[in-house]
Amino acid sequence: MPNSGEEWQVARRRKGAGRKGKIPHTARHEPGHADAVDTDRTKQRITETMAELRCADFWLEWRDRLTAVAKADSPEVGGDPAAGADPGPEGGDRAREAPSGTQECVCYGLGSFSSCVTARYQLAMLLLILESLQIPMERCSVYDPVFSSGEMEEGKRAVSRPTLFYLMHCGKALYNNLLWKNWSRDALPLLTIIGNSFAGIQDRMIQRELQRDYSYIAHAVCVCEEWPLRCPSRLLDIFNDTALITFKPCGLCKLPQSTWGEAPEPQYQHCSDLEIIQRGLQR
């Protein structure tokens, strides 16, 4: 946390990983901005925002929901709530084998929290979530194109142990890419997502376009478990349409066997408003 003496882990692009970045919607990053940041003042503001959120009724609701889901998904009933693995009887072997306390967190699209109020609130919420779920700071990686080109990702990140993805206001393609990269009965139960509601995405899109352009979201919305994470009206621009999303092995069995065949990589050739920077298009 900002006042705990712990430091952020610097996220470096993994070998072979595609470059990605959500087009920032909250702040413009200007050359040399990072060098001008008042680090002490920024830490103070984040600490103050955490204190504000910690006392808010909606955070208490978020916390209770997050910890309840984490406990339900832990390898042993009443076990470490940070484990996040699913004890379901079908297709959850990798999840059950994950040792207690090994859950990681990956954050995409946070934005410039030193200069943007929205990003600062979202970072403060992330820190509260890490604290509540007992995820160590060194197991949290943060990526965003406003940091540097090295922090750009397309969301194509495969997981091998329970991982929380914090994706506030990220583009649909990033969610779709994440689902594609983990499209199996073993891997999906390892994902916990805090971000845009899949049901909300479905409601706002023409169904044939959702199935054509974001087929993995279209499949996932039918089998995921989703809980709305509500917020007060004054913070709607920051936390609107946020949900907690998980995948139970028993729910994945609702999809036909053909769904789990060779999963084609998304291309997005029909998407004129794509909200990520694709590999090969980055200058």
Protein backbone atom coordinates (compact mmCIF):
# COMPACT_ATOMS: atom_id res chain seq x y z
CA MET A 1 0.00 0.00 0.00
CA PRO A 2 1.21 3.60 -0.43
CA ASN A 3 1.99 3.96 3.27
CA SER A 4 3.20 0.42 3.94
CA GLY A 5 6.71 0.67 2.53
CA GLU A 6 5.95 -1.81 -0.25
CA GLU A 7 6.81 -0.91 -3.82
CA TRP A 8 4.99 -1.58 -7.07
CA GLN A 9 6.27 -4.39 -9.26
CA VAL A 10 7.31 -2.93 -12.60
CA ALA A 11 5.52 -4.86 -15.33
CA ARG A 12 7.81 -5.69 -18.23
CA ARG A 13 6.62 -7.14 -21.51
CA ARG A 14 7.01 -10.91 -21.45
CA LYS A 15 8.99 -12.57 -24.23
CA GLY A 16 6.68 -13.24 -27.12
CA ALA A 17 3.83 -11.19 -25.66
CA GLY A 18 1.94 -8.93 -27.98
CA ARG A 19 1.94 -5.24 -27.44
CA LYS A 20 -1.32 -3.78 -26.39
CA GLY A 21 -2.83 -0.68 -24.96
CA LYS A 22 -6.26 0.61 -24.30
CA ILE A 23 -6.62 4.03 -25.84
CA PRO A 24 -6.65 6.21 -22.72
CA HIS A 25 -10.06 7.75 -22.11
CA THR A 26 -9.28 9.63 -18.93
CA ALA A 27 -6.02 11.49 -19.38
CA ARG A 28 -3.50 12.46 -22.03
CA HIS A 29 0.06 11.40 -21.42
CA GLU A 30 2.53 14.05 -22.43
CA PRO A 31 6.24 13.47 -23.05
CA GLY A 32 8.25 14.15 -19.94
CA HIS A 33 5.19 13.97 -17.70
CA ALA A 34 6.55 11.10 -15.61
CA ASP A 35 9.69 13.08 -14.79
CA ALA A 36 7.59 15.91 -13.38
CA VAL A 37 5.48 13.79 -11.03
CA ASP A 38 5.54 14.80 -7.37
CA THR A 39 5.88 11.28 -5.95
CA ASP A 40 5.21 12.20 -2.33
CA ARG A 41 2.12 14.20 -3.23
CA THR A 42 0.83 11.42 -5.46
CA LYS A 43 1.27 8.84 -2.68
CA GLN A 44 -0.51 11.16 -0.28
CA ARG A 45 -3.46 11.59 -2.64
CA ILE A 46 -3.74 7.84 -3.17
CA THR A 47 -3.64 7.23 0.59
CA GLU A 48 -6.34 9.86 1.11
CA THR A 49 -8.50 8.32 -1.62
CA MET A 50 -8.09 4.87 -0.07
CA ALA A 51 -9.20 6.26 3.28
CA GLU A 52 -12.25 7.86 1.64
CA LEU A 53 -13.26 4.64 -0.11
CA ARG A 54 -12.56 2.48 2.93
CA CYS A 55 -15.35 4.26 4.81
CA ALA A 56 -17.85 4.12 1.95
CA ASP A 57 -20.82 1.76 2.17
CA PHE A 58 -20.36 0.59 -1.40
CA TRP A 59 -16.77 -0.51 -0.71
CA LEU A 60 -18.01 -2.61 2.21
CA GLU A 61 -20.44 -4.29 -0.20
CA TRP A 62 -17.65 -4.88 -2.72
CA ARG A 63 -15.38 -6.28 -0.01
CA ASP A 64 -18.01 -8.65 1.35
CA ARG A 65 -18.84 -9.93 -2.13
CA LEU A 66 -15.18 -10.38 -3.08
CA THR A 67 -14.25 -12.23 0.09
CA ALA A 68 -17.38 -14.43 -0.06
CA VAL A 69 -16.60 -15.48 -3.64
CA ALA A 70 -12.92 -16.04 -2.81
CA LYS A 71 -13.82 -18.25 0.15
CA ALA A 72 -16.31 -20.23 -1.91
CA ASP A 73 -13.63 -20.80 -4.55
CA SER A 74 -10.77 -21.67 -2.18
CA PRO A 75 -9.33 -25.23 -2.25
CA GLU A 76 -10.67 -25.92 1.23
CA VAL A 77 -13.87 -24.54 2.69
CA GLY A 78 -12.89 -21.72 4.98
CA GLY A 79 -9.35 -21.76 3.58
CA ASP A 80 -7.22 -18.90 2.40
CA PRO A 81 -9.60 -16.47 0.66
CA ALA A 82 -6.76 -15.34 -1.58
CA ALA A 83 -6.37 -18.75 -3.17
CA GLY A 84 -9.33 -18.25 -5.49
CA ALA A 85 -9.33 -21.82 -6.84
CA ASP A 86 -12.52 -23.67 -7.62
CA PRO A 87 -13.32 -26.92 -5.77
CA GLY A 88 -15.88 -28.01 -8.39
CA PRO A 89 -15.95 -31.70 -9.31
CA GLU A 90 -15.51 -31.25 -13.06
CA GLY A 91 -12.59 -29.80 -14.99
CA GLY A 92 -11.01 -28.03 -12.00
CA ASP A 93 -7.88 -30.12 -11.40
CA ARG A 94 -5.43 -27.29 -12.05
CA ALA A 95 -7.45 -24.96 -9.86
CA ARG A 96 -7.57 -27.44 -6.97
CA GLU A 97 -3.85 -28.10 -7.22
CA ALA A 98 -2.91 -24.46 -6.94
CA PRO A 99 -1.25 -23.94 -3.52
CA SER A 100 -2.89 -21.61 -1.06
CA GLY A 101 -1.78 -17.99 -1.30
CA THR A 102 -0.48 -18.14 -4.88
CA GLN A 103 -3.12 -15.91 -6.47
CA GLU A 104 -1.79 -13.10 -8.62
CA CYS A 105 -3.32 -9.87 -9.87
CA VAL A 106 -2.97 -8.28 -13.31
CA CYS A 107 -4.25 -4.77 -14.02
CA TYR A 108 -4.73 -3.35 -17.52
CA GLY A 109 -5.74 0.14 -18.59
CA LEU A 110 -5.33 1.98 -15.29
CA GLY A 111 -4.18 5.26 -16.80
CA SER A 112 -2.04 8.05 -15.35
CA PHE A 113 -2.99 8.03 -11.66
CA SER A 114 -0.60 10.91 -10.91
CA SER A 115 -2.60 13.33 -13.04
CA CYS A 116 -6.06 11.78 -13.48
CA VAL A 117 -8.68 11.64 -10.71
CA THR A 118 -10.48 8.68 -12.29
CA ALA A 119 -7.29 6.63 -12.47
CA ARG A 120 -6.42 7.58 -8.89
CA TYR A 121 -9.77 6.32 -7.58
CA GLN A 122 -9.42 3.12 -9.59
CA LEU A 123 -5.90 2.57 -8.23
CA ALA A 124 -7.07 3.22 -4.67
CA MET A 125 -9.82 0.64 -5.15
CA LEU A 126 -7.31 -1.85 -6.53
CA LEU A 127 -5.12 -1.39 -3.46
CA LEU A 128 -8.09 -1.99 -1.15
CA ILE A 129 -8.94 -5.15 -3.08
CA LEU A 130 -5.37 -6.45 -2.81
CA GLU A 131 -5.43 -5.73 0.89
CA SER A 132 -8.79 -7.40 1.42
CA LEU A 133 -7.89 -10.53 -0.55
CA GLN A 134 -4.39 -10.66 0.95
CA ILE A 135 -2.67 -10.58 -2.43
CA PRO A 136 0.93 -9.38 -1.93
CA MET A 137 1.96 -6.28 -3.82
CA GLU A 138 4.79 -8.13 -5.52
CA ARG A 139 2.22 -10.41 -7.17
CA CYS A 140 0.40 -7.52 -8.83
CA SER A 141 1.48 -6.34 -12.29
CA VAL A 142 0.11 -3.15 -13.84
CA TYR A 143 0.15 -2.41 -17.59
CA ASP A 144 -0.97 0.69 -19.46
CA PRO A 145 0.22 2.44 -22.63
CA VAL A 146 0.57 5.75 -20.77
CA PHE A 147 3.42 4.27 -18.74
CA SER A 148 5.66 3.22 -21.64
CA SER A 149 5.57 1.12 -24.80
CA GLY A 150 6.91 -1.79 -22.73
CA GLU A 151 3.71 -1.87 -20.70
CA MET A 152 1.46 -2.29 -23.75
CA GLU A 153 -0.39 -5.60 -23.89
CA GLU A 154 -3.21 -7.02 -25.97
CA GLY A 155 -4.59 -8.94 -23.00
CA LYS A 156 -3.41 -12.27 -24.44
CA ARG A 157 -2.14 -13.57 -21.13
CA ALA A 158 -2.42 -17.26 -20.29
CA VAL A 159 -2.71 -18.18 -16.61
CA SER A 160 -1.55 -21.28 -14.78
CA ARG A 161 -2.78 -20.40 -11.30
CA PRO A 162 -5.65 -18.38 -9.82
CA THR A 163 -5.36 -14.81 -11.09
CA LEU A 164 -7.43 -11.69 -10.51
CA PHE A 165 -7.74 -9.39 -13.53
CA TYR A 166 -8.62 -5.77 -12.75
CA LEU A 167 -9.86 -4.28 -16.03
CA MET A 168 -11.71 -1.06 -15.31
CA HIS A 169 -13.26 0.46 -18.47
CA CYS A 170 -11.07 -1.62 -20.78
CA GLY A 171 -12.09 -2.27 -24.38
CA LYS A 172 -14.11 -5.31 -25.45
CA ALA A 173 -11.22 -6.69 -27.47
CA LEU A 174 -9.04 -6.95 -24.38
CA TYR A 175 -11.66 -9.04 -22.55
CA ASN A 176 -12.17 -11.15 -25.65
CA ASN A 177 -8.41 -11.73 -26.02
CA LEU A 178 -8.06 -12.75 -22.38
CA LEU A 179 -10.89 -15.26 -22.72
CA TRP A 180 -9.43 -16.63 -25.97
CA LYS A 181 -5.99 -17.17 -24.45
CA ASN A 182 -7.54 -19.15 -21.57
CA TRP A 183 -10.30 -20.86 -23.52
CA SER A 184 -10.40 -24.26 -21.81
CA ARG A 185 -12.34 -25.93 -19.02
CA ASP A 186 -9.18 -25.98 -16.92
CA ALA A 187 -8.01 -22.39 -17.37
CA LEU A 188 -11.22 -20.35 -17.21
CA PRO A 189 -11.98 -21.31 -13.57
CA LEU A 190 -8.62 -19.76 -12.66
CA LEU A 191 -9.83 -16.33 -13.83
CA THR A 192 -11.53 -13.79 -11.61
CA ILE A 193 -12.39 -10.56 -13.42
CA ILE A 194 -13.32 -7.18 -11.99
CA GLY A 195 -14.34 -5.00 -14.89
CA ASN A 196 -17.08 -4.28 -17.38
CA SER A 197 -20.20 -6.41 -17.07
CA PHE A 198 -20.39 -9.04 -19.82
CA ALA A 199 -24.17 -8.85 -19.62
CA GLY A 200 -23.91 -5.09 -20.12
CA ILE A 201 -21.70 -5.57 -23.17
CA GLN A 202 -24.24 -8.00 -24.60
CA ASP A 203 -27.14 -5.62 -23.96
CA ARG A 204 -25.38 -2.74 -25.75
CA MET A 205 -24.41 -4.67 -28.87
CA ILE A 206 -26.25 -6.13 -31.82
CA GLN A 207 -26.14 -9.87 -31.14
CA ARG A 208 -24.81 -10.91 -34.55
CA GLU A 209 -21.95 -8.39 -34.22
CA LEU A 210 -21.11 -9.62 -30.73
CA GLN A 211 -20.95 -13.20 -31.99
CA ARG A 212 -18.94 -12.23 -35.08
CA ASP A 213 -16.41 -9.86 -33.50
CA TYR A 214 -16.28 -10.91 -29.83
CA SER A 215 -17.29 -14.56 -29.93
CA TYR A 216 -15.53 -15.48 -26.69
CA ILE A 217 -17.48 -12.86 -24.75
CA ALA A 218 -20.66 -14.10 -26.47
CA HIS A 219 -19.96 -17.64 -25.23
CA ALA A 220 -18.76 -16.55 -21.79
CA VAL A 221 -21.80 -14.42 -20.98
CA CYS A 222 -23.92 -17.58 -21.10
CA VAL A 223 -21.84 -19.54 -18.58
CA CYS A 224 -20.06 -17.09 -16.28
CA GLU A 225 -21.26 -16.06 -12.85
CA GLU A 226 -21.56 -12.29 -12.60
CA TRP A 227 -22.30 -10.04 -9.65
CA PRO A 228 -22.87 -6.28 -10.17
CA LEU A 229 -20.58 -4.08 -8.08
CA ARG A 230 -22.62 -0.97 -7.44
CA CYS A 231 -21.34 2.50 -6.65
CA PRO A 232 -22.85 5.88 -5.66
CA SER A 233 -23.99 8.25 -8.39
CA ARG A 234 -21.11 10.66 -7.75
CA LEU A 235 -18.65 7.94 -8.78
CA LEU A 236 -20.54 6.55 -11.78
CA ASP A 237 -17.99 7.90 -14.26
CA ILE A 238 -15.30 5.96 -12.40
CA PHE A 239 -16.95 2.65 -11.47
CA ASN A 240 -20.05 2.38 -13.64
CA ASP A 241 -21.02 -0.98 -15.16
CA THR A 242 -18.51 -2.83 -12.97
CA ALA A 243 -19.03 -6.50 -12.17
CA LEU A 244 -17.26 -9.39 -10.49
CA ILE A 245 -17.04 -12.29 -12.97
CA THR A 246 -16.01 -15.89 -12.30
CA PHE A 247 -16.29 -19.24 -14.07
CA LYS A 248 -17.45 -22.45 -12.39
CA PRO A 249 -16.48 -25.78 -13.99
CA CYS A 250 -20.09 -26.95 -13.76
CA GLY A 251 -21.23 -23.86 -15.66
CA LEU A 252 -18.71 -24.43 -18.44
CA CYS A 253 -20.24 -27.84 -19.06
CA LYS A 254 -23.31 -26.05 -20.44
CA LEU A 255 -21.37 -25.25 -23.60
CA PRO A 256 -21.26 -27.97 -26.29
CA GLN A 257 -18.08 -29.99 -26.70
CA SER A 258 -17.45 -28.35 -30.07
CA THR A 259 -16.95 -25.04 -28.28
CA TRP A 260 -13.73 -26.35 -26.79
CA GLY A 261 -12.09 -27.36 -30.03
CA GLU A 262 -9.34 -25.38 -31.68
CA ALA A 263 -10.02 -21.77 -30.70
CA PRO A 264 -9.17 -19.29 -33.49
CA GLU A 265 -7.33 -16.15 -32.50
CA PRO A 266 -9.55 -13.03 -32.72
CA GLN A 267 -8.83 -10.78 -35.71
CA TYR A 268 -11.29 -7.82 -35.43
CA GLN A 269 -11.19 -6.98 -39.12
CA HIS A 270 -14.77 -5.66 -38.91
CA CYS A 271 -14.15 -3.42 -35.88
CA SER A 272 -13.66 0.22 -36.79
CA ASP A 273 -13.67 1.37 -33.15
CA LEU A 274 -11.21 -1.14 -31.72
CA GLU A 275 -10.08 0.02 -28.27
CA ILE A 276 -6.67 -1.62 -28.14
CA ILE A 277 -3.42 -1.06 -30.00
CA GLN A 278 -2.71 -4.29 -31.84
CA ARG A 279 0.65 -5.92 -32.30
CA GLY A 280 2.14 -4.83 -35.61
CA LEU A 281 0.11 -1.60 -35.66
CA GLN A 282 2.06 0.10 -32.88
CA ARG A 283 4.47 2.72 -34.19
